[in-house]
Amino acid sequence: MYEIAVIGAGPAGASAALFAAKAGKKTLLIDNDKGMTRRGWFENFYGISEVGGPDLVETGHKQAVKFGAELVAEQAINLTSSGNGFVIETEDGIIYEAKHVILATGALTDLAAKAGVETKDGTEPRIKTVIAVNPEGKTNIEGIWAAGTVAGVSVHAIITAGDGAKVAINVISELNGTRYVDHDVLKA
């Protein structure tokens, strides 16, 4: 069983998986390769002069995998509660189990709604529905969290990436029983 499964591997999901894996949590990152970030061009992403969406997404995947996240190319189609966690079923019939799930599915709320997660009207242009979350990223179902555009934050990649990191830190903190902080320092 994974401690944290992240469904959606754009900036929010990959960032969440990166933080979770770097914190030593057994992490699964599920990507259907259909995210809107792949179609973008970014000149407003802090620390990068310019980058195409495909390169930004691939770099995020590589960072998460570097720290131990398992990346799978799948389409999650079902999310159900199971004993002490959740079962994620994919289009190919593969089953994954996780204690916590972070939904980072961009503009798509159908998987969340099917699982009983509450949604609400979105405020971003062209984003009609989002997942209802508290400030930590928790949904109405204990153990299911949401990050990024699907959680109602601005559709800008830099903002969704930060939201993914924030939600992951909150999940890690809950798992650890104490506030988690990850600060690296320059090597001498």
Protein backbone atom coordinates (compact mmCIF):
# COMPACT_ATOMS: atom_id res chain seq x y z
CA MET A 1 0.00 0.00 0.00
CA TYR A 2 1.21 3.48 -0.87
CA GLU A 3 1.18 6.14 1.82
CA ILE A 4 0.26 8.80 -0.75
CA ALA A 5 -1.16 8.41 -4.25
CA VAL A 6 -1.36 11.46 -6.48
CA ILE A 7 -3.77 11.35 -9.41
CA GLY A 8 -2.72 13.85 -12.04
CA ALA A 9 0.90 14.68 -12.79
CA GLY A 10 0.93 18.24 -14.05
CA PRO A 11 2.54 20.97 -11.93
CA ALA A 12 0.25 20.40 -8.90
CA GLY A 13 0.46 16.62 -8.94
CA ALA A 14 4.15 16.27 -9.76
CA SER A 15 5.02 18.88 -7.13
CA ALA A 16 2.95 17.01 -4.54
CA ALA A 17 4.61 13.72 -5.47
CA LEU A 18 8.07 15.29 -5.36
CA PHE A 19 7.53 16.57 -1.81
CA ALA A 20 5.92 13.31 -0.66
CA ALA A 21 8.67 11.11 -2.07
CA LYS A 22 11.45 13.40 -0.83
CA ALA A 23 9.90 13.11 2.64
CA GLY A 24 10.38 9.34 2.43
CA LYS A 25 6.73 8.49 1.88
CA LYS A 26 5.88 5.59 -0.41
CA THR A 27 4.39 7.63 -3.26
CA LEU A 28 2.48 6.78 -6.42
CA LEU A 29 2.02 9.33 -9.23
CA ILE A 30 -0.61 8.49 -11.85
CA ASP A 31 -0.49 10.39 -15.15
CA ASN A 32 -2.90 10.03 -18.08
CA ASP A 33 -0.76 12.33 -20.28
CA LYS A 34 -3.75 14.55 -21.11
CA GLY A 35 -3.04 17.58 -18.93
CA MET A 36 -3.46 21.14 -20.16
CA THR A 37 0.08 22.13 -19.10
CA ARG A 38 1.55 20.15 -22.01
CA ARG A 39 -0.08 22.66 -24.40
CA GLY A 40 1.40 25.75 -22.73
CA TRP A 41 4.40 28.00 -23.19
CA PHE A 42 5.76 29.49 -19.95
CA GLU A 43 7.71 32.72 -19.57
CA ASN A 44 6.23 33.54 -16.15
CA PHE A 45 7.42 30.54 -14.12
CA TYR A 46 9.80 31.63 -11.34
CA GLY A 47 13.39 30.48 -11.84
CA ILE A 48 12.96 29.52 -15.50
CA SER A 49 13.44 32.05 -18.31
CA GLU A 50 11.11 30.15 -20.64
CA VAL A 51 9.98 26.57 -21.13
CA GLY A 52 7.51 24.61 -23.20
CA GLY A 53 4.77 22.70 -21.40
CA PRO A 54 6.00 19.24 -22.42
CA ASP A 55 9.48 20.00 -21.00
CA LEU A 56 8.02 21.47 -17.80
CA VAL A 57 5.87 18.39 -17.22
CA GLU A 58 8.70 15.95 -17.99
CA THR A 59 11.06 17.79 -15.64
CA GLY A 60 8.46 17.58 -12.87
CA HIS A 61 8.05 13.85 -13.46
CA LYS A 62 11.82 13.31 -13.36
CA GLN A 63 12.13 15.25 -10.10
CA ALA A 64 9.41 13.17 -8.42
CA VAL A 65 10.93 9.91 -9.66
CA LYS A 66 14.42 11.02 -8.56
CA PHE A 67 13.19 11.07 -4.97
CA GLY A 68 11.43 7.71 -5.22
CA ALA A 69 7.91 8.33 -6.51
CA GLU A 70 6.59 5.58 -8.73
CA LEU A 71 5.21 7.12 -11.94
CA VAL A 72 2.66 5.13 -13.92
CA ALA A 73 1.00 6.05 -17.20
CA GLU A 74 -2.60 5.19 -16.41
CA GLN A 75 -6.09 6.68 -16.45
CA ALA A 76 -7.71 6.45 -13.00
CA ILE A 77 -11.40 5.62 -13.44
CA ASN A 78 -12.57 4.71 -9.96
CA LEU A 79 -11.69 5.74 -6.41
CA THR A 80 -13.31 3.93 -3.48
CA SER A 81 -12.82 3.78 0.26
CA SER A 82 -11.33 0.57 1.62
CA GLY A 83 -10.65 -0.20 5.27
CA ASN A 84 -7.69 2.01 6.14
CA GLY A 85 -7.35 3.79 2.82
CA PHE A 86 -8.49 3.87 -0.78
CA VAL A 87 -8.52 1.69 -3.87
CA ILE A 88 -7.73 3.32 -7.19
CA GLU A 89 -8.79 1.42 -10.29
CA THR A 90 -7.37 2.27 -13.70
CA GLU A 91 -8.77 1.94 -17.20
CA ASP A 92 -6.49 -1.06 -17.74
CA GLY A 93 -7.96 -2.82 -14.69
CA ILE A 94 -4.91 -2.27 -12.49
CA ILE A 95 -5.64 -1.69 -8.80
CA TYR A 96 -3.56 0.50 -6.48
CA GLU A 97 -4.10 1.05 -2.76
CA ALA A 98 -3.16 4.16 -0.82
CA LYS A 99 -3.69 5.56 2.65
CA HIS A 100 -4.12 9.13 1.31
CA VAL A 101 -5.04 10.35 -2.17
CA ILE A 102 -4.31 13.77 -3.63
CA LEU A 103 -6.48 14.65 -6.61
CA ALA A 104 -4.62 16.97 -8.99
CA THR A 105 -6.76 16.37 -12.06
CA GLY A 106 -6.72 19.88 -13.52
CA ALA A 107 -10.11 20.81 -14.95
CA LEU A 108 -11.65 17.37 -14.39
CA THR A 109 -13.85 16.62 -11.38
CA ASP A 110 -15.65 13.50 -12.61
CA LEU A 111 -13.45 11.01 -10.69
CA ALA A 112 -13.89 13.06 -7.51
CA ALA A 113 -17.67 13.34 -7.93
CA LYS A 114 -17.95 9.60 -8.62
CA ALA A 115 -16.09 8.98 -5.32
CA GLY A 116 -18.52 11.21 -3.40
CA VAL A 117 -16.22 14.20 -3.08
CA GLU A 118 -18.13 17.48 -2.87
CA THR A 119 -17.73 19.96 -5.71
CA LYS A 120 -18.69 23.58 -6.17
CA ASP A 121 -18.76 26.24 -8.90
CA GLY A 122 -15.35 27.33 -10.16
CA THR A 123 -14.24 30.95 -10.38
CA GLU A 124 -11.61 30.69 -13.15
CA PRO A 125 -12.65 31.28 -16.76
CA ARG A 126 -13.59 27.97 -18.44
CA ILE A 127 -13.32 26.03 -15.14
CA LYS A 128 -16.98 25.39 -14.35
CA THR A 129 -16.63 23.02 -11.38
CA VAL A 130 -13.94 22.47 -8.74
CA ILE A 131 -13.52 20.28 -5.68
CA ALA A 132 -14.57 21.87 -2.39
CA VAL A 133 -11.53 21.93 -0.09
CA ASN A 134 -10.55 23.56 3.18
CA PRO A 135 -7.40 25.75 3.34
CA GLU A 136 -5.22 22.63 3.90
CA GLY A 137 -6.55 20.90 0.79
CA LYS A 138 -8.83 18.43 2.59
CA THR A 139 -12.07 17.38 0.95
CA ASN A 140 -15.26 16.19 2.66
CA ILE A 141 -13.86 12.63 2.65
CA GLU A 142 -11.14 11.97 5.22
CA GLY A 143 -7.95 10.96 3.40
CA ILE A 144 -8.88 12.50 0.04
CA TRP A 145 -7.20 15.81 -0.68
CA ALA A 146 -7.15 18.05 -3.75
CA ALA A 147 -4.56 20.44 -5.19
CA GLY A 148 -4.20 22.81 -8.09
CA THR A 149 -6.83 23.95 -10.56
CA VAL A 150 -9.23 21.18 -9.55
CA ALA A 151 -9.11 22.56 -5.99
CA GLY A 152 -10.10 26.03 -7.17
CA VAL A 153 -6.75 27.82 -7.30
CA SER A 154 -5.69 29.93 -10.26
CA VAL A 155 -4.99 27.94 -13.38
CA HIS A 156 -1.45 29.41 -13.65
CA ALA A 157 1.14 26.62 -13.51
CA ILE A 158 3.34 28.34 -10.92
CA ILE A 159 0.35 28.65 -8.59
CA THR A 160 -0.82 25.08 -9.07
CA ALA A 161 2.71 23.81 -8.44
CA GLY A 162 2.86 25.70 -5.16
CA ASP A 163 -0.58 24.43 -4.17
CA GLY A 164 0.52 20.85 -4.86
CA ALA A 165 3.53 21.32 -2.59
CA LYS A 166 1.36 22.91 0.12
CA VAL A 167 -1.15 20.06 0.10
CA ALA A 168 1.60 17.43 0.12
CA ILE A 169 3.24 19.09 3.12
CA ASN A 170 -0.12 18.99 4.92
CA VAL A 171 -0.58 15.28 4.14
CA ILE A 172 3.00 14.50 5.22
CA SER A 173 2.47 16.49 8.43
CA GLU A 174 -0.69 14.50 9.18
CA LEU A 175 1.09 11.20 8.54
CA ASN A 176 4.06 12.25 10.71
CA GLY A 177 1.96 13.72 13.52
CA THR A 178 4.07 16.89 13.45
CA ARG A 179 4.55 19.80 11.05
CA TYR A 180 6.83 18.82 8.15
CA VAL A 181 9.40 21.25 6.76
CA ASP A 182 11.78 20.52 3.87
CA HIS A 183 14.61 22.99 3.46
CA ASP A 184 17.81 22.07 1.68
CA VAL A 185 21.01 24.08 2.06
CA LEU A 186 23.83 24.76 -0.35
CA LYS A 187 26.61 22.22 -0.25
CA ALA A 188 29.97 23.69 0.71
